[in-house]
C-alpha atoms as a PDB file:
ATOM      1  CA  MET A   1      48.631   2.407 -44.784  1.00  0.00           C
ATOM      2  CA  LYS A   2      48.089   5.047 -42.095  1.00  0.00           C
ATOM      3  CA  LYS A   3      44.546   5.649 -43.355  1.00  0.00           C
ATOM      4  CA  ILE A   4      43.811   1.912 -43.233  1.00  0.00           C
ATOM      5  CA  LEU A   5      45.322   1.632 -39.767  1.00  0.00           C
ATOM      6  CA  PHE A   6      43.292   4.583 -38.406  1.00  0.00           C
ATOM      7  CA  GLY A   7      40.173   3.166 -40.023  1.00  0.00           C
ATOM      8  CA  LEU A   8      40.654  -0.201 -38.312  1.00  0.00           C
ATOM      9  CA  ILE A   9      41.254   1.485 -34.971  1.00  0.00           C
ATOM     10  CA  ALA A  10      38.077   3.558 -35.376  1.00  0.00           C
ATOM     11  CA  VAL A  11      36.023   0.435 -36.165  1.00  0.00           C
ATOM     12  CA  LEU A  12      37.458  -1.391 -33.158  1.00  0.00           C
ATOM     13  CA  LEU A  13      36.678   1.583 -30.909  1.00  0.00           C
ATOM     14  CA  VAL A  14      33.062   1.678 -32.111  1.00  0.00           C
ATOM     15  CA  PHE A  15      32.584  -2.044 -31.430  1.00  0.00           C
ATOM     16  CA  SER A  16      34.290  -1.652 -28.060  1.00  0.00           C
ATOM     17  CA  LEU A  17      31.994   1.218 -27.071  1.00  0.00           C
ATOM     18  CA  VAL A  18      28.908  -0.630 -28.260  1.00  0.00           C
ATOM     19  CA  GLY A  19      29.974  -3.655 -26.217  1.00  0.00           C
ATOM     20  CA  CYS A  20      30.514  -1.538 -23.104  1.00  0.00           C
ATOM     21  CA  SER A  21      27.199   0.255 -23.571  1.00  0.00           C
ATOM     22  CA  SER A  22      25.307  -3.020 -23.946  1.00  0.00           C
ATOM     23  CA  THR A  23      26.900  -4.490 -20.837  1.00  0.00           C
ATOM     24  CA  ALA A  24      26.178  -1.370 -18.770  1.00  0.00           C
ATOM     25  CA  ALA A  25      22.539  -1.247 -19.898  1.00  0.00           C
ATOM     26  CA  ALA A  26      21.736  -4.801 -18.861  1.00  0.00           C
ATOM     27  CA  PRO A  27      20.345  -4.779 -15.295  1.00  0.00           C
ATOM     28  CA  LYS A  28      21.605  -7.280 -12.759  1.00  0.00           C
ATOM     29  CA  THR A  29      19.094  -9.984 -11.881  1.00  0.00           C
ATOM     30  CA  THR A  30      20.959 -12.294  -9.514  1.00  0.00           C
ATOM     31  CA  LYS A  31      19.039 -11.325  -6.365  1.00  0.00           C
ATOM     32  CA  VAL A  32      15.364 -10.383  -6.145  1.00  0.00           C
ATOM     33  CA  VAL A  33      13.380  -8.962  -3.227  1.00  0.00           C
ATOM     34  CA  TYR A  34       9.631  -8.970  -2.637  1.00  0.00           C
ATOM     35  CA  LEU A  35       9.033  -6.045  -0.267  1.00  0.00           C
ATOM     36  CA  ILE A  36       5.498  -5.779   1.084  1.00  0.00           C
ATOM     37  CA  ASN A  37       3.870  -3.289   3.405  1.00  0.00           C
ATOM     38  CA  GLY A  38       1.845  -6.082   4.977  1.00  0.00           C
ATOM     39  CA  ALA A  39       2.461  -9.745   5.731  1.00  0.00           C
ATOM     40  CA  LEU A  40       2.203 -13.146   4.123  1.00  0.00           C
ATOM     41  CA  GLY A  41      -0.495 -15.584   5.189  1.00  0.00           C
ATOM     42  CA  ASP A  42      -3.493 -13.668   3.865  1.00  0.00           C
ATOM     43  CA  ASN A  43      -4.509 -16.356   1.339  1.00  0.00           C
ATOM     44  CA  ALA A  44      -4.969 -13.455  -1.050  1.00  0.00           C
ATOM     45  CA  PHE A  45      -2.998 -10.471  -2.350  1.00  0.00           C
ATOM     46  CA  TYR A  46       0.386 -10.887  -0.659  1.00  0.00           C
ATOM     47  CA  ASP A  47       0.411 -14.670  -0.984  1.00  0.00           C
ATOM     48  CA  SER A  48      -0.329 -14.372  -4.700  1.00  0.00           C
ATOM     49  CA  GLY A  49       2.821 -12.281  -5.114  1.00  0.00           C
ATOM     50  CA  GLN A  50       4.847 -14.824  -3.128  1.00  0.00           C
ATOM     51  CA  LYS A  51       3.796 -17.573  -5.542  1.00  0.00           C
ATOM     52  CA  GLY A  52       5.248 -15.477  -8.352  1.00  0.00           C
ATOM     53  CA  MET A  53       8.496 -15.050  -6.432  1.00  0.00           C
ATOM     54  CA  ASP A  54       8.718 -18.781  -5.801  1.00  0.00           C
ATOM     55  CA  GLN A  55       8.185 -19.420  -9.494  1.00  0.00           C
ATOM     56  CA  ILE A  56      10.939 -17.076 -10.712  1.00  0.00           C
ATOM     57  CA  ALA A  57      13.333 -18.633  -8.206  1.00  0.00           C
ATOM     58  CA  LYS A  58      12.501 -22.028  -9.693  1.00  0.00           C
ATOM     59  CA  ASP A  59      12.554 -20.929 -13.338  1.00  0.00           C
ATOM     60  CA  TYR A  60      15.667 -18.731 -13.292  1.00  0.00           C
ATOM     61  CA  GLY A  61      17.662 -19.963 -10.311  1.00  0.00           C
ATOM     62  CA  VAL A  62      17.829 -16.485  -8.773  1.00  0.00           C
ATOM     63  CA  GLU A  63      18.116 -15.813  -5.061  1.00  0.00           C
ATOM     64  CA  THR A  64      14.920 -14.359  -3.599  1.00  0.00           C
ATOM     65  CA  ARG A  65      14.038 -12.814  -0.287  1.00  0.00           C
ATOM     66  CA  THR A  66      10.710 -11.550   1.077  1.00  0.00           C
ATOM     67  CA  ILE A  67      10.660  -8.574   3.445  1.00  0.00           C
ATOM     68  CA  GLU A  68       7.433  -8.070   5.405  1.00  0.00           C
ATOM     69  CA  ALA A  69       6.794  -4.679   7.006  1.00  0.00           C
ATOM     70  CA  ASN A  70       3.670  -5.960   8.785  1.00  0.00           C
ATOM     71  CA  PHE A  71       1.824  -2.640   8.360  1.00  0.00           C
ATOM     72  CA  ASP A  72       4.351  -1.008  10.703  1.00  0.00           C
ATOM     73  CA  ALA A  73       5.282   2.472   9.397  1.00  0.00           C
ATOM     74  CA  GLY A  74       8.476   2.333  11.429  1.00  0.00           C
ATOM     75  CA  LYS A  75       9.664  -0.618   9.335  1.00  0.00           C
ATOM     76  CA  TYR A  76       9.105   0.911   5.894  1.00  0.00           C
ATOM     77  CA  GLU A  77      12.388   2.781   5.506  1.00  0.00           C
ATOM     78  CA  PRO A  78      14.559   0.081   7.136  1.00  0.00           C
ATOM     79  CA  SER A  79      12.890  -2.442   4.830  1.00  0.00           C
ATOM     80  CA  LEU A  80      13.790  -0.357   1.783  1.00  0.00           C
ATOM     81  CA  GLU A  81      17.356  -0.052   3.064  1.00  0.00           C
ATOM     82  CA  ALA A  82      17.570  -3.814   3.491  1.00  0.00           C
ATOM     83  CA  ALA A  83      16.130  -4.364   0.020  1.00  0.00           C
ATOM     84  CA  VAL A  84      18.623  -2.140  -1.809  1.00  0.00           C
ATOM     85  CA  ASN A  85      21.534  -3.560   0.183  1.00  0.00           C
ATOM     86  CA  TYR A  86      20.615  -7.089  -0.888  1.00  0.00           C
ATOM     87  CA  ALA A  87      18.807  -7.087  -4.219  1.00  0.00           C
ATOM     88  CA  ASP A  88      19.261  -6.159  -7.866  1.00  0.00           C
ATOM     89  CA  VAL A  89      15.520  -6.274  -8.578  1.00  0.00           C
ATOM     90  CA  ILE A  90      12.902  -5.130  -6.066  1.00  0.00           C
ATOM     91  CA  PHE A  91       9.199  -5.885  -6.448  1.00  0.00           C
ATOM     92  CA  VAL A  92       7.459  -3.651  -3.942  1.00  0.00           C
ATOM     93  CA  ILE A  93       3.931  -3.127  -2.628  1.00  0.00           C
ATOM     94  CA  SER A  94       4.391   0.382  -1.307  1.00  0.00           C
ATOM     95  CA  TYR A  95       1.088   1.377   0.306  1.00  0.00           C
ATOM     96  CA  GLY A  96       1.989   3.877   3.026  1.00  0.00           C
ATOM     97  CA  PHE A  97       5.582   4.531   1.962  1.00  0.00           C
ATOM     98  CA  GLU A  98       5.323   5.754  -1.614  1.00  0.00           C
ATOM     99  CA  ASP A  99       7.413   8.878  -0.893  1.00  0.00           C
ATOM    100  CA  GLN A 100      10.228   6.858   0.658  1.00  0.00           C
ATOM    101  CA  LEU A 101      10.162   4.540  -2.357  1.00  0.00           C
ATOM    102  CA  LYS A 102      10.614   7.524  -4.692  1.00  0.00           C
ATOM    103  CA  GLU A 103      13.596   8.751  -2.667  1.00  0.00           C
ATOM    104  CA  TYR A 104      15.292   5.354  -2.692  1.00  0.00           C
ATOM    105  CA  ALA A 105      14.662   4.827  -6.397  1.00  0.00           C
ATOM    106  CA  ASP A 106      16.267   8.216  -7.158  1.00  0.00           C
ATOM    107  CA  LYS A 107      19.156   7.430  -4.816  1.00  0.00           C
ATOM    108  CA  TYR A 108      19.789   3.982  -6.332  1.00  0.00           C
ATOM    109  CA  PRO A 109      19.166   4.339 -10.098  1.00  0.00           C
ATOM    110  CA  ASN A 110      21.097   1.103 -10.764  1.00  0.00           C
ATOM    111  CA  LYS A 111      18.441  -0.909  -8.924  1.00  0.00           C
ATOM    112  CA  THR A 112      15.342  -2.157 -10.743  1.00  0.00           C
ATOM    113  CA  PHE A 113      12.188  -1.110  -8.861  1.00  0.00           C
ATOM    114  CA  VAL A 114       8.796  -2.531  -9.852  1.00  0.00           C
ATOM    115  CA  ASN A 115       5.888  -1.109  -7.855  1.00  0.00           C
ATOM    116  CA  ILE A 116       2.778  -3.271  -7.679  1.00  0.00           C
ATOM    117  CA  ASP A 117      -0.894  -2.239  -7.597  1.00  0.00           C
ATOM    118  CA  THR A 118      -0.443   1.538  -7.501  1.00  0.00           C
ATOM    119  CA  ILE A 119       1.262   4.029  -9.782  1.00  0.00           C
ATOM    120  CA  VAL A 120       4.397   5.596  -8.293  1.00  0.00           C
ATOM    121  CA  GLN A 121       6.615   7.907 -10.365  1.00  0.00           C
ATOM    122  CA  ASN A 122       9.987   9.162  -9.157  1.00  0.00           C
ATOM    123  CA  ASP A 123      11.949  12.125 -10.518  1.00  0.00           C
ATOM    124  CA  LYS A 124      14.450   9.942 -12.378  1.00  0.00           C
ATOM    125  CA  LYS A 125      11.586   7.922 -13.874  1.00  0.00           C
ATOM    126  CA  THR A 126      13.092   4.550 -13.014  1.00  0.00           C
ATOM    127  CA  ILE A 127      10.114   2.984 -11.202  1.00  0.00           C
ATOM    128  CA  THR A 128       7.878   0.819 -13.365  1.00  0.00           C
ATOM    129  CA  SER A 129       4.366   0.371 -11.966  1.00  0.00           C
ATOM    130  CA  VAL A 130       2.007  -2.563 -12.403  1.00  0.00           C
ATOM    131  CA  ASP A 131      -1.528  -1.172 -12.466  1.00  0.00           C
ATOM    132  CA  PHE A 132      -4.338  -3.722 -12.211  1.00  0.00           C
ATOM    133  CA  VAL A 133      -7.675  -2.743 -13.765  1.00  0.00           C
ATOM    134  CA  GLU A 134      -9.545  -3.995 -10.718  1.00  0.00           C
ATOM    135  CA  GLU A 135     -12.707  -2.261 -11.884  1.00  0.00           C
ATOM    136  CA  GLU A 136     -13.228  -4.938 -14.558  1.00  0.00           C
ATOM    137  CA  SER A 137     -13.210  -7.900 -12.182  1.00  0.00           C
ATOM    138  CA  ALA A 138     -15.003  -5.987  -9.394  1.00  0.00           C
ATOM    139  CA  TYR A 139     -17.757  -5.099 -11.876  1.00  0.00           C
ATOM    140  CA  LEU A 140     -18.211  -8.821 -12.474  1.00  0.00           C
ATOM    141  CA  ALA A 141     -18.194  -9.423  -8.704  1.00  0.00           C
ATOM    142  CA  GLY A 142     -21.114  -6.991  -8.544  1.00  0.00           C
ATOM    143  CA  VAL A 143     -22.894  -8.875 -11.321  1.00  0.00           C
ATOM    144  CA  VAL A 144     -22.393 -12.114  -9.366  1.00  0.00           C
ATOM    145  CA  ALA A 145     -23.694 -10.500  -6.171  1.00  0.00           C
ATOM    146  CA  ALA A 146     -26.770  -9.184  -7.981  1.00  0.00           C
ATOM    147  CA  TYR A 147     -27.668 -12.571  -9.411  1.00  0.00           C
ATOM    148  CA  THR A 148     -27.060 -14.159  -5.995  1.00  0.00           C
ATOM    149  CA  THR A 149     -29.322 -11.787  -4.043  1.00  0.00           C
ATOM    150  CA  GLU A 150     -32.094 -12.268  -6.623  1.00  0.00           C
ATOM    151  CA  ASP A 151     -31.894 -16.060  -6.600  1.00  0.00           C
ATOM    152  CA  THR A 152     -34.263 -16.884  -3.743  1.00  0.00           C
ATOM    153  CA  SER A 153     -33.874 -20.578  -4.542  1.00  0.00           C
ATOM    154  CA  LEU A 154     -30.499 -20.341  -2.783  1.00  0.00           C
ATOM    155  CA  SER A 155     -30.705 -21.301   0.889  1.00  0.00           C
ATOM    156  CA  GLY A 156     -30.934 -18.237   3.151  1.00  0.00           C
ATOM    157  CA  VAL A 157     -31.453 -15.619   0.426  1.00  0.00           C
ATOM    158  CA  ASN A 158     -34.244 -13.207   1.348  1.00  0.00           C
ATOM    159  CA  ALA A 159     -36.516 -11.163  -0.900  1.00  0.00           C
ATOM    160  CA  ASP A 160     -34.625  -7.918  -0.252  1.00  0.00           C
ATOM    161  CA  LYS A 161     -32.225  -6.754  -2.953  1.00  0.00           C
ATOM    162  CA  LYS A 162     -29.323  -5.990  -0.648  1.00  0.00           C
ATOM    163  CA  ILE A 163     -25.635  -6.796  -0.913  1.00  0.00           C
ATOM    164  CA  GLY A 164     -22.578  -5.706   1.059  1.00  0.00           C
ATOM    165  CA  ALA A 165     -18.854  -5.054   0.974  1.00  0.00           C
ATOM    166  CA  VAL A 166     -16.215  -5.111   3.715  1.00  0.00           C
ATOM    167  CA  ALA A 167     -13.001  -3.185   3.009  1.00  0.00           C
ATOM    168  CA  GLY A 168      -9.774  -3.147   4.991  1.00  0.00           C
ATOM    169  CA  ASP A 169      -9.562   0.618   4.649  1.00  0.00           C
ATOM    170  CA  SER A 170     -10.629   3.459   2.392  1.00  0.00           C
ATOM    171  CA  ASP A 171      -7.985   4.085  -0.266  1.00  0.00           C
ATOM    172  CA  PRO A 172      -8.071   4.576  -4.062  1.00  0.00           C
ATOM    173  CA  VAL A 173      -7.798   0.839  -4.760  1.00  0.00           C
ATOM    174  CA  THR A 174     -10.559  -0.305  -2.385  1.00  0.00           C
ATOM    175  CA  GLU A 175     -12.758   2.575  -3.536  1.00  0.00           C
ATOM    176  CA  ALA A 176     -12.222   1.429  -7.134  1.00  0.00           C
ATOM    177  CA  PHE A 177     -13.350  -2.062  -6.115  1.00  0.00           C
ATOM    178  CA  ILE A 178     -16.481  -0.783  -4.370  1.00  0.00           C
ATOM    179  CA  TYR A 179     -17.323   1.671  -7.166  1.00  0.00           C
ATOM    180  CA  ALA A 180     -17.187  -0.995  -9.870  1.00  0.00           C
ATOM    181  CA  TYR A 181     -18.876  -3.599  -7.644  1.00  0.00           C
ATOM    182  CA  THR A 182     -21.797  -1.246  -7.167  1.00  0.00           C
ATOM    183  CA  ASN A 183     -21.981  -0.445 -10.890  1.00  0.00           C
ATOM    184  CA  GLY A 184     -21.903  -4.120 -11.794  1.00  0.00           C
ATOM    185  CA  ALA A 185     -24.721  -4.973  -9.408  1.00  0.00           C
ATOM    186  CA  LYS A 186     -26.886  -2.070 -10.549  1.00  0.00           C
ATOM    187  CA  SER A 187     -26.342  -3.006 -14.190  1.00  0.00           C
ATOM    188  CA  ILE A 188     -28.388  -6.122 -13.408  1.00  0.00           C
ATOM    189  CA  ASP A 189     -30.960  -4.372 -11.232  1.00  0.00           C
ATOM    190  CA  PRO A 190     -30.828  -0.635 -10.358  1.00  0.00           C
ATOM    191  CA  ALA A 191     -32.940  -1.313  -7.265  1.00  0.00           C
ATOM    192  CA  ILE A 192     -30.124  -3.217  -5.550  1.00  0.00           C
ATOM    193  CA  THR A 193     -28.530  -1.399  -2.610  1.00  0.00           C
ATOM    194  CA  VAL A 194     -24.936  -1.812  -1.418  1.00  0.00           C
ATOM    195  CA  ASP A 195     -23.897  -1.512   2.238  1.00  0.00           C
ATOM    196  CA  THR A 196     -20.201  -0.960   2.977  1.00  0.00           C
ATOM    197  CA  LYS A 197     -18.104  -1.253   6.131  1.00  0.00           C
ATOM    198  CA  TYR A 198     -14.458  -0.212   6.569  1.00  0.00           C
ATOM    199  CA  LEU A 199     -12.325  -2.026   9.126  1.00  0.00           C
ATOM    200  CA  ASP A 200      -9.268   0.211   9.443  1.00  0.00           C
ATOM    201  CA  SER A 201      -7.358  -3.072   9.474  1.00  0.00           C
ATOM    202  CA  TRP A 202      -6.043  -5.552   6.931  1.00  0.00           C
ATOM    203  CA  ASP A 203      -5.208  -8.383   9.310  1.00  0.00           C
ATOM    204  CA  ASP A 204      -7.854  -8.397  12.058  1.00  0.00           C
ATOM    205  CA  THR A 205      -9.960 -11.451  11.202  1.00  0.00           C
ATOM    206  CA  ALA A 206     -12.292 -10.951  14.170  1.00  0.00           C
ATOM    207  CA  LYS A 207     -13.033  -7.415  13.050  1.00  0.00           C
ATOM    208  CA  GLY A 208     -13.802  -8.648   9.544  1.00  0.00           C
ATOM    209  CA  LYS A 209     -16.175 -11.268  10.859  1.00  0.00           C
ATOM    210  CA  GLN A 210     -17.964  -8.806  13.143  1.00  0.00           C
ATOM    211  CA  ALA A 211     -18.493  -6.358  10.272  1.00  0.00           C
ATOM    212  CA  ALA A 212     -19.858  -9.110   8.029  1.00  0.00           C
ATOM    213  CA  LEU A 213     -22.256 -10.357  10.704  1.00  0.00           C
ATOM    214  CA  GLN A 214     -23.581  -6.798  11.089  1.00  0.00           C
ATOM    215  CA  LEU A 215     -24.217  -6.593   7.341  1.00  0.00           C
ATOM    216  CA  PHE A 216     -25.941  -9.976   7.312  1.00  0.00           C
ATOM    217  CA  ASP A 217     -28.128  -8.751  10.185  1.00  0.00           C
ATOM    218  CA  MET A 218     -29.065  -5.754   8.008  1.00  0.00           C
ATOM    219  CA  GLY A 219     -30.432  -8.134   5.377  1.00  0.00           C
ATOM    220  CA  ASP A 220     -27.489  -8.419   2.980  1.00  0.00           C
ATOM    221  CA  ASP A 221     -27.372 -11.845   1.328  1.00  0.00           C
ATOM    222  CA  VAL A 222     -23.845 -11.716  -0.061  1.00  0.00           C
ATOM    223  CA  ILE A 223     -20.747  -9.731   0.982  1.00  0.00           C
ATOM    224  CA  PHE A 224     -17.676  -8.896  -1.081  1.00  0.00           C
ATOM    225  CA  GLN A 225     -14.546  -9.036   1.068  1.00  0.00           C
ATOM    226  CA  ILE A 226     -11.813  -6.549   0.067  1.00  0.00           C
ATOM    227  CA  ALA A 227      -9.792  -6.835   3.252  1.00  0.00           C
ATOM    228  CA  SER A 228      -6.813  -9.172   2.745  1.00  0.00           C
ATOM    229  CA  ALA A 229      -6.303 -11.412   5.807  1.00  0.00           C
ATOM    230  CA  ALA A 230      -9.093  -9.627   7.729  1.00  0.00           C
ATOM    231  CA  GLY A 231     -11.441 -10.770   4.987  1.00  0.00           C
ATOM    232  CA  MET A 232     -11.111 -14.369   6.155  1.00  0.00           C
ATOM    233  CA  GLY A 233     -13.517 -13.321   8.880  1.00  0.00           C
ATOM    234  CA  VAL A 234     -16.075 -12.352   6.232  1.00  0.00           C
ATOM    235  CA  LEU A 235     -15.910 -15.828   4.727  1.00  0.00           C
ATOM    236  CA  GLN A 236     -16.266 -17.393   8.177  1.00  0.00           C
ATOM    237  CA  ALA A 237     -19.326 -15.228   8.896  1.00  0.00           C
ATOM    238  CA  ALA A 238     -20.954 -16.378   5.662  1.00  0.00           C
ATOM    239  CA  GLY A 239     -20.536 -19.976   6.732  1.00  0.00           C
ATOM    240  CA  ASP A 240     -21.812 -19.285  10.251  1.00  0.00           C
ATOM    241  CA  ARG A 241     -24.951 -17.529   8.981  1.00  0.00           C
ATOM    242  CA  GLY A 242     -25.592 -19.877   6.074  1.00  0.00           C
ATOM    243  CA  LEU A 243     -25.202 -16.963   3.659  1.00  0.00           C
ATOM    244  CA  TYR A 244     -22.706 -15.963   1.004  1.00  0.00           C
ATOM    245  CA  ALA A 245     -19.462 -14.129   0.349  1.00  0.00           C
ATOM    246  CA  ILE A 246     -17.227 -13.187  -2.578  1.00  0.00           C
ATOM    247  CA  GLY A 247     -13.491 -13.746  -2.162  1.00  0.00           C
ATOM    248  CA  VAL A 248     -10.676 -11.507  -3.335  1.00  0.00           C
ATOM    249  CA  ASP A 249      -7.253 -11.709  -5.034  1.00  0.00           C
ATOM    250  CA  THR A 250      -7.028 -15.524  -5.186  1.00  0.00           C
ATOM    251  CA  ASN A 251      -9.626 -18.262  -5.628  1.00  0.00           C
ATOM    252  CA  GLN A 252     -11.082 -18.528  -2.112  1.00  0.00           C
ATOM    253  CA  ASN A 253     -14.195 -20.463  -3.152  1.00  0.00           C
ATOM    254  CA  ASP A 254     -13.261 -23.638  -1.281  1.00  0.00           C
ATOM    255  CA  ILE A 255     -12.176 -21.987   1.986  1.00  0.00           C
ATOM    256  CA  VAL A 256     -15.753 -22.134   3.303  1.00  0.00           C
ATOM    257  CA  PRO A 257     -17.358 -24.653   0.933  1.00  0.00           C
ATOM    258  CA  GLY A 258     -20.837 -23.812  -0.254  1.00  0.00           C
ATOM    259  CA  HIS A 259     -20.711 -20.204   0.925  1.00  0.00           C
ATOM    260  CA  VAL A 260     -18.171 -18.423  -1.297  1.00  0.00           C
ATOM    261  CA  VAL A 261     -19.990 -17.909  -4.594  1.00  0.00           C
ATOM    262  CA  ALA A 262     -17.024 -16.479  -6.526  1.00  0.00           C
ATOM    263  CA  SER A 263     -13.667 -14.770  -6.134  1.00  0.00           C
ATOM    264  CA  ASP A 264     -12.384 -11.567  -7.686  1.00  0.00           C
ATOM    265  CA  VAL A 265      -8.890 -12.653  -8.683  1.00  0.00           C
ATOM    266  CA  LYS A 266      -5.909 -10.297  -8.961  1.00  0.00           C
ATOM    267  CA  ASN A 267      -2.941 -12.198 -10.396  1.00  0.00           C
ATOM    268  CA  VAL A 268      -0.086 -10.478  -8.555  1.00  0.00           C
ATOM    269  CA  GLY A 269       2.159 -13.515  -8.884  1.00  0.00           C
ATOM    270  CA  GLN A 270       1.623 -13.785 -12.624  1.00  0.00           C
ATOM    271  CA  ALA A 271       2.475 -10.102 -13.069  1.00  0.00           C
ATOM    272  CA  ILE A 272       5.749 -10.620 -11.179  1.00  0.00           C
ATOM    273  CA  ILE A 273       6.602 -13.578 -13.407  1.00  0.00           C
ATOM    274  CA  GLU A 274       5.835 -11.673 -16.614  1.00  0.00           C
ATOM    275  CA  VAL A 275       7.714  -8.513 -15.628  1.00  0.00           C
ATOM    276  CA  PHE A 276      10.756 -10.468 -14.445  1.00  0.00           C
ATOM    277  CA  LYS A 277      10.790 -12.310 -17.771  1.00  0.00           C
ATOM    278  CA  THR A 278      11.113  -8.970 -19.600  1.00  0.00           C
ATOM    279  CA  ILE A 279      13.999  -8.008 -17.305  1.00  0.00           C
ATOM    280  CA  LYS A 280      15.799 -11.245 -18.134  1.00  0.00           C
ATOM    281  CA  GLU A 281      15.087 -10.913 -21.862  1.00  0.00           C
ATOM    282  CA  GLY A 282      16.223  -7.293 -22.016  1.00  0.00           C
ATOM    283  CA  THR A 283      12.843  -5.866 -23.062  1.00  0.00           C
ATOM    284  CA  TYR A 284      12.029  -4.320 -19.674  1.00  0.00           C
ATOM    285  CA  LYS A 285      11.298  -0.579 -19.743  1.00  0.00           C
ATOM    286  CA  PRO A 286      11.842   1.483 -16.577  1.00  0.00           C
ATOM    287  CA  GLY A 287       9.491   4.320 -15.692  1.00  0.00           C
ATOM    288  CA  VAL A 288       6.402   3.010 -17.475  1.00  0.00           C
ATOM    289  CA  THR A 289       2.980   1.909 -16.246  1.00  0.00           C
ATOM    290  CA  LEU A 290       1.881  -1.610 -17.176  1.00  0.00           C
ATOM    291  CA  SER A 291      -1.870  -2.202 -17.293  1.00  0.00           C
ATOM    292  CA  TYR A 292      -3.236  -5.627 -16.349  1.00  0.00           C
ATOM    293  CA  GLY A 293      -6.951  -6.188 -16.962  1.00  0.00           C
ATOM    294  CA  LEU A 294      -9.296  -8.997 -17.952  1.00  0.00           C
ATOM    295  CA  ALA A 295      -7.930  -9.304 -21.481  1.00  0.00           C
ATOM    296  CA  THR A 296      -4.373  -9.918 -20.223  1.00  0.00           C
ATOM    297  CA  GLY A 297      -5.418 -12.194 -17.363  1.00  0.00           C
ATOM    298  CA  GLY A 298      -4.271  -9.695 -14.768  1.00  0.00           C
ATOM    299  CA  VAL A 299      -7.694  -9.774 -13.104  1.00  0.00           C
ATOM    300  CA  ASP A 300     -10.640 -12.128 -13.426  1.00  0.00           C
ATOM    301  CA  ILE A 301     -13.751 -13.557 -11.820  1.00  0.00           C
ATOM    302  CA  ASP A 302     -13.538 -17.202 -10.741  1.00  0.00           C
ATOM    303  CA  MET A 303     -16.664 -19.190  -9.943  1.00  0.00           C
ATOM    304  CA  SER A 304     -15.007 -22.606  -9.966  1.00  0.00           C
ATOM    305  CA  ALA A 305     -15.216 -24.694  -6.800  1.00  0.00           C
ATOM    306  CA  LYS A 306     -15.343 -28.296  -5.677  1.00  0.00           C
ATOM    307  CA  ALA A 307     -19.016 -27.682  -4.949  1.00  0.00           C
ATOM    308  CA  PRO A 308     -20.104 -24.640  -7.034  1.00  0.00           C
ATOM    309  CA  VAL A 309     -22.789 -22.499  -5.407  1.00  0.00           C
ATOM    310  CA  LEU A 310     -24.163 -20.720  -8.465  1.00  0.00           C
ATOM    311  CA  SER A 311     -26.298 -22.441 -11.079  1.00  0.00           C
ATOM    312  CA  LYS A 312     -24.904 -23.040 -14.561  1.00  0.00           C
ATOM    313  CA  ASP A 313     -27.414 -20.519 -15.902  1.00  0.00           C
ATOM    314  CA  ILE A 314     -26.039 -17.754 -13.665  1.00  0.00           C
ATOM    315  CA  GLN A 315     -22.453 -18.718 -14.432  1.00  0.00           C
ATOM    316  CA  ASP A 316     -23.203 -18.569 -18.166  1.00  0.00           C
ATOM    317  CA  LYS A 317     -24.725 -15.100 -17.798  1.00  0.00           C
ATOM    318  CA  VAL A 318     -21.694 -13.835 -15.868  1.00  0.00           C
ATOM    319  CA  ASN A 319     -19.284 -15.355 -18.388  1.00  0.00           C
ATOM    320  CA  ALA A 320     -21.168 -13.717 -21.266  1.00  0.00           C
ATOM    321  CA  ILE A 321     -20.704 -10.292 -19.636  1.00  0.00           C
ATOM    322  CA  ARG A 322     -17.065 -11.155 -18.918  1.00  0.00           C
ATOM    323  CA  GLN A 323     -16.508 -11.876 -22.612  1.00  0.00           C
ATOM    324  CA  GLN A 324     -18.121  -8.583 -23.599  1.00  0.00           C
ATOM    325  CA  ILE A 325     -15.567  -6.756 -21.443  1.00  0.00           C
ATOM    326  CA  ILE A 326     -12.678  -8.734 -22.935  1.00  0.00           C
ATOM    327  CA  ASP A 327     -13.934  -8.074 -26.479  1.00  0.00           C
ATOM    328  CA  GLY A 328     -14.291  -4.349 -25.768  1.00  0.00           C
ATOM    329  CA  LYS A 329     -18.061  -4.399 -26.327  1.00  0.00           C
ATOM    330  CA  LEU A 330     -18.670  -3.388 -22.716  1.00  0.00           C
ATOM    331  CA  LYS A 331     -16.571  -0.589 -21.254  1.00  0.00           C
ATOM    332  CA  VAL A 332     -16.332  -0.667 -17.477  1.00  0.00           C
ATOM    333  CA  GLU A 333     -16.175   2.802 -15.955  1.00  0.00           C
ATOM    334  CA  ILE A 334     -12.876   3.516 -14.206  1.00  0.00           C
ATOM    335  CA  TYR A 335     -12.978   5.015 -10.720  1.00  0.00           C
ATOM    336  CA  LYS A 336     -11.637   8.565 -10.440  1.00  0.00           C
ATOM    337  CA  PRO A 337     -10.805   9.853  -6.954  1.00  0.00           C
ATOM    338  CA  ALA A 338     -12.450  13.146  -6.005  1.00  0.00           C
ATOM    339  CA  ASN A 339      -9.121  14.986  -5.821  1.00  0.00           C
END
């Protein structure tokens, strides 16, 4: 009888421990923060993420809060403090405060940190990073630009094979965009040249417009904007000069109708939705890097518009190259920083 009794107790203890372990391992998901280094209202990168936040609030009934640091370095640490004091899950765009993010993730291992668009690894390996393969969509943006500058039937396009890019700043992500954009254009015609301007700003629309006008004056027919809210000025300049631009992060083709030939889409919101789903389902893995490229729908090229600019023939050519990348028949070279 004693042996039976001890055996039953042992079994109950095992089940009890398993139950406790399972409960402890499940992360809390009641409150979710979207912490961004910049600000909403860019019609691009940050707004895409907000759409994802709005969707998870609707789908799961969780409380959400967005904290905007507005590119103010003095707000980065207080924003992190506010995030951990409020939320269970923190989706963060940490440009400029990666080191502080690592410190907070190590200090609060019970919080779920998901870093978006760059790879950040802390000592306790709790931060999961969402890494977009922006080279794949930017390569296609270059293909689009090449076909645009060579289509002299388009109003305003000159005989010169020149295209441009306007970037908010020089960092590994924007350099990856420009690198692949250039490679994509030259894959169509090696004689094409690419002019680039850096704004040192992500929200100065006037600065973006001025830079674009300068590039148009240099003979560029189409300009790729990689400048968040400042890039709205690039689109405006295209309309003012009767020339062309390529949007970024969301479909911006109808913002200046007839002058935005395509948009390089980065689905930040969709990534947030998909990662949060894994957290809710219990399949989320902390400390890993998740890769989002063309094949997963993380990035894409979008030529759809109420009044499409590009001919069906050009669109078909671009889509054929797009499919080659998805099928693995065409490998897009990944940008590697010099250091």
